[in-house]
Amino acid sequence: MKKRVRPLTEIEEGHTAVITAVVAIPSLRQRLYELGFCPDANVRMALKAHDRIVCEIEMTRIGMHSSIASTILVLPIDEHRVRQ
């Protein structure tokens, strides 16, 4: 599978990606940066449930609505589920 930039919402549970950009309005983009969602940061999708997600970044789990997560663009690092 060819790797391509995609919204964070398209990453499967257990997979990791690197953030390439945040394409939100300035105030939301700033808040996401403050939480660690910056370009070049690694993010792991921990849980997807309906219109909510939980992801891990900088050893912290953060939950958000999928509409916010869709503004975070990522490039998959792995194509295989990470086992813990």
C-alpha atoms as a PDB file:
ATOM      1  CA  MET A   1       0.000   0.000   0.000  1.00  0.00           C
ATOM      2  CA  LYS A   2       1.358   3.406  -0.974  1.00  0.00           C
ATOM      3  CA  LYS A   3       1.661   5.824   1.914  1.00  0.00           C
ATOM      4  CA  ARG A   4      -0.126   9.127   1.447  1.00  0.00           C
ATOM      5  CA  VAL A   5      -1.060  12.077   3.588  1.00  0.00           C
ATOM      6  CA  ARG A   6      -4.525  11.631   5.066  1.00  0.00           C
ATOM      7  CA  PRO A   7      -6.659  12.968   7.942  1.00  0.00           C
ATOM      8  CA  LEU A   8      -5.955  11.488  11.368  1.00  0.00           C
ATOM      9  CA  THR A   9      -9.476  10.008  11.315  1.00  0.00           C
ATOM     10  CA  GLU A  10      -8.378   7.549   8.582  1.00  0.00           C
ATOM     11  CA  ILE A  11      -5.672   5.917  10.726  1.00  0.00           C
ATOM     12  CA  GLU A  12      -6.724   2.542  12.121  1.00  0.00           C
ATOM     13  CA  GLU A  13      -6.589   1.648  15.817  1.00  0.00           C
ATOM     14  CA  GLY A  14      -3.102   0.622  16.903  1.00  0.00           C
ATOM     15  CA  HIS A  15      -1.383   2.341  13.975  1.00  0.00           C
ATOM     16  CA  THR A  16       1.093   5.190  14.205  1.00  0.00           C
ATOM     17  CA  ALA A  17       1.557   8.204  11.949  1.00  0.00           C
ATOM     18  CA  VAL A  18       3.602  11.389  11.778  1.00  0.00           C
ATOM     19  CA  ILE A  19       1.776  14.709  11.673  1.00  0.00           C
ATOM     20  CA  THR A  20       2.457  16.703   8.514  1.00  0.00           C
ATOM     21  CA  ALA A  21       0.113  19.680   9.035  1.00  0.00           C
ATOM     22  CA  VAL A  22      -2.833  21.030  10.983  1.00  0.00           C
ATOM     23  CA  VAL A  23      -5.366  22.708   8.688  1.00  0.00           C
ATOM     24  CA  ALA A  24      -7.724  24.259  11.240  1.00  0.00           C
ATOM     25  CA  ILE A  25      -8.741  27.830  11.976  1.00  0.00           C
ATOM     26  CA  PRO A  26      -5.902  29.700  13.751  1.00  0.00           C
ATOM     27  CA  SER A  27      -7.325  29.447  17.291  1.00  0.00           C
ATOM     28  CA  LEU A  28      -7.940  25.694  17.016  1.00  0.00           C
ATOM     29  CA  ARG A  29      -4.584  25.125  15.309  1.00  0.00           C
ATOM     30  CA  GLN A  30      -2.836  26.961  18.176  1.00  0.00           C
ATOM     31  CA  ARG A  31      -4.646  24.853  20.790  1.00  0.00           C
ATOM     32  CA  LEU A  32      -3.741  21.626  18.980  1.00  0.00           C
ATOM     33  CA  TYR A  33      -0.105  22.780  18.834  1.00  0.00           C
ATOM     34  CA  GLU A  34      -0.213  23.429  22.596  1.00  0.00           C
ATOM     35  CA  LEU A  35      -1.435  19.845  23.098  1.00  0.00           C
ATOM     36  CA  GLY A  36       1.487  18.499  21.039  1.00  0.00           C
ATOM     37  CA  PHE A  37      -0.197  18.055  17.642  1.00  0.00           C
ATOM     38  CA  CYS A  38       2.651  19.717  15.725  1.00  0.00           C
ATOM     39  CA  PRO A  39       4.246  18.826  12.398  1.00  0.00           C
ATOM     40  CA  ASP A  40       6.778  15.968  12.740  1.00  0.00           C
ATOM     41  CA  ALA A  41       5.210  14.652  15.981  1.00  0.00           C
ATOM     42  CA  ASN A  42       4.258  10.960  16.133  1.00  0.00           C
ATOM     43  CA  VAL A  43       0.658  10.106  16.981  1.00  0.00           C
ATOM     44  CA  ARG A  44      -0.839   6.664  17.671  1.00  0.00           C
ATOM     45  CA  MET A  45      -4.539   5.920  17.222  1.00  0.00           C
ATOM     46  CA  ALA A  46      -5.609   4.254  20.468  1.00  0.00           C
ATOM     47  CA  LEU A  47      -9.382   4.058  20.011  1.00  0.00           C
ATOM     48  CA  LYS A  48     -12.090   4.947  17.498  1.00  0.00           C
ATOM     49  CA  ALA A  49     -15.724   4.979  18.598  1.00  0.00           C
ATOM     50  CA  HIS A  50     -18.484   6.485  16.472  1.00  0.00           C
ATOM     51  CA  ASP A  51     -17.563  10.162  16.040  1.00  0.00           C
ATOM     52  CA  ARG A  52     -14.868  10.237  18.759  1.00  0.00           C
ATOM     53  CA  ILE A  53     -11.238   9.173  18.808  1.00  0.00           C
ATOM     54  CA  VAL A  54      -8.563   8.723  21.448  1.00  0.00           C
ATOM     55  CA  CYS A  55      -4.964   9.070  20.353  1.00  0.00           C
ATOM     56  CA  GLU A  56      -1.598   9.001  22.075  1.00  0.00           C
ATOM     57  CA  ILE A  57       0.915  11.780  21.604  1.00  0.00           C
ATOM     58  CA  GLU A  58       3.945  12.498  23.789  1.00  0.00           C
ATOM     59  CA  MET A  59       2.924   9.650  26.160  1.00  0.00           C
ATOM     60  CA  THR A  60      -0.477  11.285  26.757  1.00  0.00           C
ATOM     61  CA  ARG A  61      -3.905  10.063  25.678  1.00  0.00           C
ATOM     62  CA  ILE A  62      -6.159  12.749  24.246  1.00  0.00           C
ATOM     63  CA  GLY A  63      -9.764  12.335  23.147  1.00  0.00           C
ATOM     64  CA  MET A  64     -11.455  14.503  20.550  1.00  0.00           C
ATOM     65  CA  HIS A  65     -14.357  14.676  18.134  1.00  0.00           C
ATOM     66  CA  SER A  66     -13.657  13.371  14.643  1.00  0.00           C
ATOM     67  CA  SER A  67     -14.386  16.807  13.139  1.00  0.00           C
ATOM     68  CA  ILE A  68     -11.348  18.181  14.985  1.00  0.00           C
ATOM     69  CA  ALA A  69      -9.212  15.106  14.264  1.00  0.00           C
ATOM     70  CA  SER A  70      -9.933  15.497  10.553  1.00  0.00           C
ATOM     71  CA  THR A  71      -8.021  18.811  10.549  1.00  0.00           C
ATOM     72  CA  ILE A  72      -4.822  16.969  11.535  1.00  0.00           C
ATOM     73  CA  LEU A  73      -3.055  15.605   8.449  1.00  0.00           C
ATOM     74  CA  VAL A  74      -0.747  12.624   8.926  1.00  0.00           C
ATOM     75  CA  LEU A  75       1.507  10.241   7.036  1.00  0.00           C
ATOM     76  CA  PRO A  76       1.346   6.612   8.245  1.00  0.00           C
ATOM     77  CA  ILE A  77       4.578   5.279   9.743  1.00  0.00           C
ATOM     78  CA  ASP A  78       3.515   1.650   9.820  1.00  0.00           C
ATOM     79  CA  GLU A  79       1.003  -0.407   7.909  1.00  0.00           C
ATOM     80  CA  HIS A  80       0.794  -3.159  10.517  1.00  0.00           C
ATOM     81  CA  ARG A  81      -0.948  -3.069  13.859  1.00  0.00           C
ATOM     82  CA  VAL A  82       1.394  -2.251  16.740  1.00  0.00           C
ATOM     83  CA  ARG A  83       1.056  -4.831  19.500  1.00  0.00           C
ATOM     84  CA  GLN A  84       1.418  -3.975  23.155  1.00  0.00           C
END
